[in-house]
Amino acid sequence: MLYYLDKDVIWFPPVEEAIEDGLLAFGGDLTPRWLLEAYSRGIFPWFNSDNSEILWWSPDPRFILFPQELRLHRSLKQVMKKKIFTVSMDTAFQKVIAACAMPRKKESGTWITARMKKAYIKLHAMGFAHSVEVWHDGMLAGGLYGVSLGNAFFGESMFTSVDNASKVALVTLNAVARRLGFAFIDCQVYTDNLKRFGARFIERQEFMTLLNASLKHSTHQGSWSSLIHDGYDYLECLTGAGA
């Protein structure tokens, strides 16, 4: 069943009511209260135009990366050991989301609309949305952003303009997630790239159990910039990663 959400009433139906492709509802708003309520219930927004209704999703199964299951292949390890990149967190959130919003090759548009960018920039200012920035020769070369609640991270998007930069961002996020004791990184939907890093499907019911447990922990709210010093030592990222 597909639900319509009144903009003036923050409410979501049970995720089990989603239709086959994971679409649960349309309408509502993108204020921080709406977004935080959605993520806390295993729901995320995804739509194609600022002129269309907001679409809310809860796919089954869900694509998840457990930090302890990261697979880091030898070729990327060799790239990281060369230290051609530097990494930061929460120092260029707006630049990262703007780069993620650029249409990919063979795509004419983007789902990261102006409304979406504005909404997540607000969440970032409140300390709930975070970015990983990867720099090469002083220029932003790749990165990712997402939302943190409890001891879970909900990945939204990543980009790269230099080979391997987005991969370094993901490995760095995973290292930080391990350090903070995060239960999982929510990748939302399948990609071949994330599968190569060890992400896997779990049933929605299992995801909701993990999510509810993660929300019992305090949220690591605020800037994460202090979690990574300038010229972050990649060898810390490599600790515990499989070949």
Protein backbone atom coordinates (compact mmCIF):
# COMPACT_ATOMS: atom_id res chain seq x y z
CA MET A 1 0.00 0.00 0.00
CA LEU A 2 1.29 3.48 -0.87
CA TYR A 3 0.61 6.20 1.69
CA TYR A 4 0.22 9.95 1.27
CA LEU A 5 1.91 11.99 4.03
CA ASP A 6 0.43 15.26 5.21
CA LYS A 7 3.16 17.91 5.35
CA ASP A 8 1.83 19.21 8.66
CA VAL A 9 1.89 15.86 10.50
CA ILE A 10 5.21 14.05 10.94
CA TRP A 11 4.25 10.39 10.64
CA PHE A 12 5.33 7.30 8.70
CA PRO A 13 3.50 4.01 8.21
CA PRO A 14 5.16 0.72 9.21
CA VAL A 15 7.93 -0.21 6.78
CA GLU A 16 6.26 -3.58 6.24
CA GLU A 17 3.59 -1.69 4.28
CA ALA A 18 6.05 -0.78 1.51
CA ILE A 19 5.24 -2.10 -1.94
CA GLU A 20 7.47 -4.63 -3.69
CA ASP A 21 10.19 -2.21 -4.83
CA GLY A 22 10.46 -0.61 -1.39
CA LEU A 23 8.40 2.52 -2.03
CA LEU A 24 6.39 3.28 1.10
CA ALA A 25 4.92 6.78 0.88
CA PHE A 26 4.94 10.15 -0.87
CA GLY A 27 4.49 13.68 0.37
CA GLY A 28 5.67 15.05 3.70
CA ASP A 29 8.60 17.42 3.93
CA LEU A 30 12.41 17.52 4.10
CA THR A 31 12.81 19.41 7.36
CA PRO A 32 15.34 17.99 9.84
CA ARG A 33 12.50 16.60 11.98
CA TRP A 34 11.06 14.73 9.02
CA LEU A 35 14.44 13.35 7.97
CA LEU A 36 15.52 12.26 11.44
CA GLU A 37 12.17 10.57 12.00
CA ALA A 38 12.52 8.78 8.67
CA TYR A 39 16.03 7.47 9.33
CA SER A 40 15.08 6.34 12.82
CA ARG A 41 12.35 4.21 11.20
CA GLY A 42 14.50 2.71 8.45
CA ILE A 43 13.19 5.04 5.73
CA PHE A 44 14.97 7.42 3.36
CA PRO A 45 13.92 9.95 0.68
CA TRP A 46 14.74 9.46 -2.98
CA PHE A 47 13.08 11.35 -5.84
CA ASN A 48 14.09 12.98 -9.09
CA SER A 49 12.77 16.54 -9.25
CA ASP A 50 12.20 19.53 -7.00
CA ASN A 51 8.77 19.81 -8.64
CA SER A 52 7.70 16.27 -7.73
CA GLU A 53 6.44 14.81 -4.49
CA ILE A 54 9.00 13.47 -2.04
CA LEU A 55 9.18 9.69 -2.28
CA TRP A 56 10.04 7.64 0.84
CA TRP A 57 11.62 4.20 0.62
CA SER A 58 12.36 1.16 2.78
CA PRO A 59 13.67 -1.61 0.49
CA ASP A 60 13.64 -5.28 1.34
CA PRO A 61 16.25 -6.67 1.40
CA ARG A 62 18.56 -3.87 2.59
CA PHE A 63 22.19 -3.51 1.46
CA ILE A 64 24.50 -3.19 4.48
CA LEU A 65 28.23 -2.96 5.16
CA PHE A 66 29.27 -4.25 8.56
CA PRO A 67 32.52 -2.45 9.51
CA GLN A 68 34.23 -5.66 10.63
CA GLU A 69 33.47 -7.29 7.25
CA LEU A 70 35.18 -4.73 5.01
CA ARG A 71 37.15 -6.34 2.19
CA LEU A 72 40.09 -4.23 1.07
CA HIS A 73 41.80 -5.62 -2.00
CA ARG A 74 45.55 -5.61 -2.45
CA SER A 75 45.57 -3.08 -5.29
CA LEU A 76 43.80 -0.44 -3.19
CA LYS A 77 46.08 -1.18 -0.24
CA GLN A 78 49.05 -0.41 -2.45
CA VAL A 79 47.47 2.87 -3.58
CA MET A 80 46.77 3.89 0.01
CA LYS A 81 50.27 3.05 1.17
CA LYS A 82 51.65 5.51 -1.37
CA LYS A 83 49.78 8.29 0.50
CA ILE A 84 48.96 10.30 -2.59
CA PHE A 85 45.73 11.43 -0.91
CA THR A 86 44.94 13.27 2.29
CA VAL A 87 41.62 12.89 4.09
CA SER A 88 39.42 15.10 6.24
CA MET A 89 35.94 14.94 7.70
CA ASP A 90 33.26 17.64 7.96
CA THR A 91 35.47 20.36 6.51
CA ALA A 92 33.83 20.68 3.07
CA PHE A 93 30.35 19.19 3.38
CA GLN A 94 28.73 21.57 0.89
CA LYS A 95 31.44 20.90 -1.70
CA VAL A 96 31.01 17.14 -1.29
CA ILE A 97 27.23 17.17 -1.66
CA ALA A 98 27.50 19.50 -4.64
CA ALA A 99 29.97 17.13 -6.32
CA CYS A 100 27.76 14.13 -5.52
CA ALA A 101 24.86 15.98 -7.17
CA MET A 102 26.65 16.32 -10.49
CA PRO A 103 25.12 13.96 -13.10
CA ARG A 104 27.11 10.79 -13.69
CA LYS A 105 28.27 9.73 -17.14
CA LYS A 106 25.36 8.74 -19.39
CA GLU A 107 22.91 10.35 -16.94
CA SER A 108 21.02 13.55 -17.71
CA GLY A 109 19.91 14.39 -14.18
CA THR A 110 20.44 13.77 -10.50
CA TRP A 111 18.30 12.73 -7.53
CA ILE A 112 20.25 15.13 -5.27
CA THR A 113 18.04 18.09 -6.05
CA ALA A 114 18.38 21.62 -4.70
CA ARG A 115 15.80 20.74 -2.02
CA MET A 116 17.79 17.68 -1.00
CA LYS A 117 21.05 19.61 -0.79
CA LYS A 118 19.45 22.31 1.34
CA ALA A 119 17.92 19.69 3.65
CA TYR A 120 21.16 17.79 4.27
CA ILE A 121 23.18 20.97 4.70
CA LYS A 122 20.79 21.80 7.55
CA LEU A 123 21.32 18.34 9.04
CA HIS A 124 25.06 18.88 8.77
CA ALA A 125 24.81 22.19 10.61
CA MET A 126 22.95 20.34 13.38
CA GLY A 127 25.70 17.71 13.61
CA PHE A 128 23.75 14.76 12.18
CA ALA A 129 25.06 14.70 8.59
CA HIS A 130 28.75 14.15 7.91
CA SER A 131 31.16 14.12 5.00
CA VAL A 132 34.47 12.46 4.24
CA GLU A 133 36.69 14.52 1.93
CA VAL A 134 39.61 13.10 -0.05
CA TRP A 135 42.15 15.56 -1.39
CA HIS A 136 44.77 15.24 -4.13
CA ASP A 137 47.29 18.01 -4.76
CA GLY A 138 45.16 20.36 -2.70
CA MET A 139 41.98 19.71 -4.71
CA LEU A 140 38.86 17.81 -3.67
CA ALA A 141 39.21 14.50 -5.49
CA GLY A 142 36.43 12.41 -3.96
CA GLY A 143 34.21 11.97 -0.97
CA LEU A 144 30.94 10.81 0.49
CA TYR A 145 28.24 12.01 2.85
CA GLY A 146 25.51 10.53 5.00
CA VAL A 147 23.63 10.67 8.28
CA SER A 148 24.58 9.32 11.71
CA LEU A 149 22.07 8.25 14.35
CA GLY A 150 22.88 6.11 17.37
CA ASN A 151 25.75 3.84 16.39
CA ALA A 152 24.73 3.58 12.74
CA PHE A 153 25.71 5.49 9.61
CA PHE A 154 23.34 5.91 6.68
CA GLY A 155 25.32 6.48 3.51
CA GLU A 156 23.72 8.75 0.92
CA SER A 157 26.13 9.27 -1.96
CA MET A 158 29.77 9.36 -3.00
CA PHE A 159 31.75 10.80 -5.89
CA THR A 160 35.21 10.65 -7.37
CA SER A 161 37.11 12.81 -9.85
CA VAL A 162 40.44 11.00 -9.34
CA ASP A 163 40.78 7.22 -9.54
CA ASN A 164 40.34 5.51 -6.15
CA ALA A 165 39.42 8.70 -4.24
CA SER A 166 35.87 7.59 -3.38
CA LYS A 167 37.20 4.19 -2.37
CA VAL A 168 39.60 5.85 0.04
CA ALA A 169 36.66 7.83 1.44
CA LEU A 170 34.70 4.62 2.06
CA VAL A 171 37.64 2.87 3.70
CA THR A 172 38.21 5.90 5.91
CA LEU A 173 34.55 6.01 6.92
CA ASN A 174 34.72 2.32 7.75
CA ALA A 175 37.79 2.87 9.94
CA VAL A 176 36.02 5.67 11.81
CA ALA A 177 32.91 3.50 12.16
CA ARG A 178 35.00 0.75 13.73
CA ARG A 179 36.65 3.22 16.09
CA LEU A 180 33.26 4.58 17.18
CA GLY A 181 31.79 1.12 17.61
CA PHE A 182 29.18 1.48 14.87
CA ALA A 183 27.01 -1.54 14.20
CA PHE A 184 26.62 -0.99 10.46
CA ILE A 185 26.87 1.35 7.49
CA ASP A 186 23.59 1.42 5.59
CA CYS A 187 24.27 1.39 1.84
CA GLN A 188 20.51 1.32 1.11
CA VAL A 189 20.62 -0.25 -2.34
CA TYR A 190 22.95 -2.57 -4.23
CA THR A 191 25.99 -1.52 -6.25
CA ASP A 192 28.76 -3.74 -7.61
CA ASN A 193 31.38 -1.46 -6.08
CA LEU A 194 29.98 -1.76 -2.56
CA LYS A 195 29.61 -5.52 -2.95
CA ARG A 196 33.34 -5.74 -3.70
CA PHE A 197 33.99 -4.04 -0.35
CA GLY A 198 31.92 -6.64 1.49
CA ALA A 199 28.45 -5.07 1.64
CA ARG A 200 25.65 -7.63 1.59
CA PHE A 201 21.91 -7.95 1.66
CA ILE A 202 19.98 -8.57 4.86
CA GLU A 203 16.24 -8.92 5.25
CA ARG A 204 14.35 -5.80 6.24
CA GLN A 205 13.22 -7.38 9.52
CA GLU A 206 16.85 -8.05 10.50
CA PHE A 207 17.79 -4.51 9.48
CA MET A 208 15.04 -3.05 11.66
CA THR A 209 16.20 -5.14 14.62
CA LEU A 210 19.77 -3.84 14.15
CA LEU A 211 18.53 -0.29 13.69
CA ASN A 212 16.38 -0.30 16.82
CA ALA A 213 19.32 -1.64 18.84
CA SER A 214 21.66 1.00 17.39
CA LEU A 215 19.29 3.81 18.35
CA LYS A 216 19.68 2.90 22.02
CA HIS A 217 23.21 4.33 21.81
CA SER A 218 24.04 8.01 21.95
CA THR A 219 24.42 9.76 18.61
CA HIS A 220 27.93 11.05 17.83
CA GLN A 221 26.47 14.46 17.07
CA GLY A 222 28.58 17.45 16.08
CA SER A 223 31.57 17.90 13.81
CA TRP A 224 33.70 14.82 13.17
CA SER A 225 36.65 16.86 11.94
CA SER A 226 38.69 16.05 15.04
CA LEU A 227 38.43 12.32 14.32
CA ILE A 228 40.98 12.69 11.53
CA HIS A 229 44.12 14.77 11.65
CA ASP A 230 45.71 16.32 8.56
CA GLY A 231 47.48 13.71 6.46
CA TYR A 232 45.53 10.88 8.10
CA ASP A 233 47.61 7.75 8.48
CA TYR A 234 46.08 5.25 6.07
CA LEU A 235 47.73 2.38 7.88
CA GLU A 236 45.07 2.81 10.56
CA CYS A 237 42.45 2.26 7.86
CA LEU A 238 44.18 -0.90 6.79
CA THR A 239 44.12 -2.43 10.27
CA GLY A 240 41.77 -5.39 10.32
CA ALA A 241 40.87 -5.13 6.62
CA GLY A 242 40.88 -8.28 4.56
CA ALA A 243 42.97 -8.83 1.45
